[in-house]
Amino acid sequence: MVSPSELVKRIHEESKRIAEPPPSVEMGWPPNAKVRKDNLVSWKGLLVALDVVSEEAAANFAQTEAQSCGGAEVSVSSVHFGDVVGTKFVRTGESWRGPFKEVRYVLTAPGGHVCVSASAMGKNLDESNWNESKLEAHFHTLRVIRK
């Protein structure tokens, strides 16, 4: 059984936790990137989504992402961008639109864990053979911010 004062204390702690804003992801993008509030970025023909996730979700994402699905092939590699480290998943295959390439990352950055997904969406990029190195050049600036 919990005393009334202990119950009040627990309710107060829980209300403070609920009132805290969720963590957000921050990354140093070049000036020509179009960054939306929901961490969706369009840049040089790429559509990039960034999501802050828990450590458990990052581990589950990594396990799920490594599996091939729908005939697509997945290559997995470790990545290191300064203080940001993790796993890179390159998925290639065929869709109704033709050949494609998607690149996803599960990263540990200062402040937390981030999942990043990138796909070519512009007319000027080959959707099946684009180079992610220009995007990766900015990953060293990735941070999880808790306000």
Protein backbone atom coordinates (compact mmCIF):
# COMPACT_ATOMS: atom_id res chain seq x y z
CA MET A 1 0.00 0.00 0.00
CA VAL A 2 1.19 3.51 -0.79
CA SER A 3 0.90 6.41 1.60
CA PRO A 4 -0.97 9.53 0.45
CA SER A 5 2.24 11.59 0.44
CA GLU A 6 4.02 8.94 -1.65
CA LEU A 7 1.09 8.87 -4.09
CA VAL A 8 1.19 12.66 -4.44
CA LYS A 9 4.95 12.50 -5.05
CA ARG A 10 4.54 9.84 -7.78
CA ILE A 11 1.77 11.79 -9.50
CA HIS A 12 3.88 14.94 -9.43
CA GLU A 13 6.90 13.11 -10.93
CA GLU A 14 4.77 11.51 -13.64
CA SER A 15 3.13 14.82 -14.58
CA LYS A 16 6.58 16.44 -14.93
CA ARG A 17 7.73 13.57 -17.16
CA ILE A 18 4.63 13.83 -19.37
CA ALA A 19 5.01 17.62 -19.64
CA GLU A 20 8.58 17.33 -20.98
CA PRO A 21 8.77 17.89 -24.74
CA PRO A 22 9.89 14.83 -26.69
CA PRO A 23 13.52 14.73 -27.81
CA SER A 24 14.29 16.09 -31.25
CA VAL A 25 17.00 15.47 -33.79
CA GLU A 26 19.27 18.24 -35.00
CA MET A 27 21.68 18.14 -37.93
CA GLY A 28 23.73 20.76 -39.74
CA TRP A 29 22.19 20.93 -43.20
CA PRO A 30 23.52 23.07 -46.05
CA PRO A 31 21.53 26.25 -46.77
CA ASN A 32 19.86 24.79 -49.89
CA ALA A 33 18.22 21.94 -47.94
CA LYS A 34 14.48 22.26 -47.33
CA VAL A 35 13.93 21.21 -43.72
CA ARG A 36 10.37 20.71 -42.54
CA LYS A 37 9.24 20.72 -38.92
CA ASP A 38 8.60 16.98 -38.95
CA ASN A 39 12.29 16.15 -39.67
CA LEU A 40 11.61 15.46 -43.31
CA VAL A 41 14.26 17.03 -45.53
CA SER A 42 14.54 17.38 -49.27
CA TRP A 43 18.03 18.05 -50.55
CA LYS A 44 19.66 17.55 -53.94
CA GLY A 45 16.97 15.14 -55.12
CA LEU A 46 16.94 13.15 -51.89
CA LEU A 47 14.09 12.76 -49.46
CA VAL A 48 15.51 12.17 -45.97
CA ALA A 49 13.57 11.32 -42.82
CA LEU A 50 15.16 11.53 -39.37
CA ASP A 51 13.55 10.06 -36.25
CA VAL A 52 14.67 9.96 -32.63
CA VAL A 53 14.13 6.46 -31.25
CA SER A 54 14.74 4.61 -28.01
CA GLU A 55 17.68 2.25 -27.64
CA GLU A 56 15.28 -0.70 -27.77
CA ALA A 57 13.57 0.59 -30.92
CA ALA A 58 16.97 1.13 -32.57
CA ALA A 59 17.96 -2.48 -31.81
CA ASN A 60 14.63 -3.80 -33.13
CA PHE A 61 14.88 -1.64 -36.25
CA ALA A 62 18.38 -2.97 -36.94
CA GLN A 63 17.19 -6.59 -36.66
CA THR A 64 14.17 -6.02 -38.91
CA GLU A 65 16.01 -3.91 -41.48
CA ALA A 66 18.75 -6.50 -42.03
CA GLN A 67 16.20 -8.98 -43.36
CA SER A 68 15.52 -9.10 -47.06
CA CYS A 69 11.93 -8.51 -48.04
CA GLY A 70 9.99 -8.58 -51.27
CA GLY A 71 12.94 -9.75 -53.33
CA ALA A 72 15.04 -6.74 -52.41
CA GLU A 73 18.66 -7.30 -51.48
CA VAL A 74 20.07 -5.74 -48.32
CA SER A 75 23.72 -5.02 -47.64
CA VAL A 76 24.71 -4.16 -44.08
CA SER A 77 27.81 -2.30 -42.91
CA SER A 78 29.09 -0.51 -39.82
CA VAL A 79 29.52 3.25 -40.13
CA HIS A 80 31.44 5.86 -38.15
CA PHE A 81 31.00 9.63 -38.54
CA GLY A 82 33.00 11.19 -35.70
CA ASP A 83 30.92 10.78 -32.52
CA VAL A 84 28.07 9.27 -34.55
CA VAL A 85 28.28 5.50 -35.07
CA GLY A 86 25.93 2.76 -36.15
CA THR A 87 24.78 0.52 -38.95
CA LYS A 88 23.97 1.28 -42.57
CA PHE A 89 21.44 -0.74 -44.58
CA VAL A 90 21.36 -0.42 -48.37
CA ARG A 91 18.27 -2.00 -49.90
CA THR A 92 18.15 -2.46 -53.68
CA GLY A 93 15.54 -4.07 -55.86
CA GLU A 94 12.68 -3.59 -58.29
CA SER A 95 9.38 -1.86 -57.66
CA TRP A 96 6.48 -0.90 -59.90
CA ARG A 97 8.49 2.24 -60.75
CA GLY A 98 11.58 0.26 -61.72
CA PRO A 99 14.93 -0.31 -60.00
CA PHE A 100 15.42 1.44 -56.66
CA LYS A 101 17.91 2.01 -53.88
CA GLU A 102 17.01 3.00 -50.31
CA VAL A 103 19.57 3.71 -47.62
CA ARG A 104 18.72 3.52 -43.92
CA TYR A 105 20.84 4.07 -40.87
CA VAL A 106 20.46 3.21 -37.21
CA LEU A 107 22.82 5.58 -35.43
CA THR A 108 23.96 6.38 -31.93
CA ALA A 109 24.56 10.11 -31.76
CA PRO A 110 25.33 12.42 -28.87
CA GLY A 111 22.15 12.49 -26.78
CA GLY A 112 20.45 9.37 -28.11
CA HIS A 113 19.56 7.13 -31.05
CA VAL A 114 18.41 8.15 -34.52
CA CYS A 115 16.99 6.32 -37.52
CA VAL A 116 17.65 7.98 -40.87
CA SER A 117 16.03 6.93 -44.17
CA ALA A 118 17.02 8.32 -47.56
CA SER A 119 15.64 7.76 -51.05
CA ALA A 120 16.19 9.46 -54.39
CA MET A 121 13.08 11.37 -55.39
CA GLY A 122 14.35 13.95 -57.83
CA LYS A 123 14.40 13.93 -61.60
CA ASN A 124 18.14 14.50 -61.59
CA LEU A 125 19.05 11.36 -59.63
CA ASP A 126 19.03 7.76 -60.79
CA GLU A 127 16.74 6.12 -58.21
CA SER A 128 18.72 2.88 -58.35
CA ASN A 129 22.27 4.20 -58.38
CA TRP A 130 22.70 7.38 -56.33
CA ASN A 131 25.61 8.21 -54.05
CA GLU A 132 24.86 8.73 -50.35
CA SER A 133 28.34 10.02 -49.45
CA LYS A 134 27.30 13.71 -49.68
CA LEU A 135 24.54 13.04 -47.16
CA GLU A 136 26.87 11.08 -44.90
CA ALA A 137 29.33 14.00 -44.90
CA HIS A 138 26.84 15.84 -42.63
CA PHE A 139 26.18 13.00 -40.15
CA HIS A 140 28.99 14.09 -37.84
CA THR A 141 26.71 17.05 -36.90
CA LEU A 142 23.80 14.80 -35.85
CA ARG A 143 22.59 15.34 -32.27
CA VAL A 144 19.58 14.40 -30.16
CA ILE A 145 18.35 17.42 -28.20
CA ARG A 146 16.22 17.21 -25.06
CA LYS A 147 14.67 20.59 -24.31
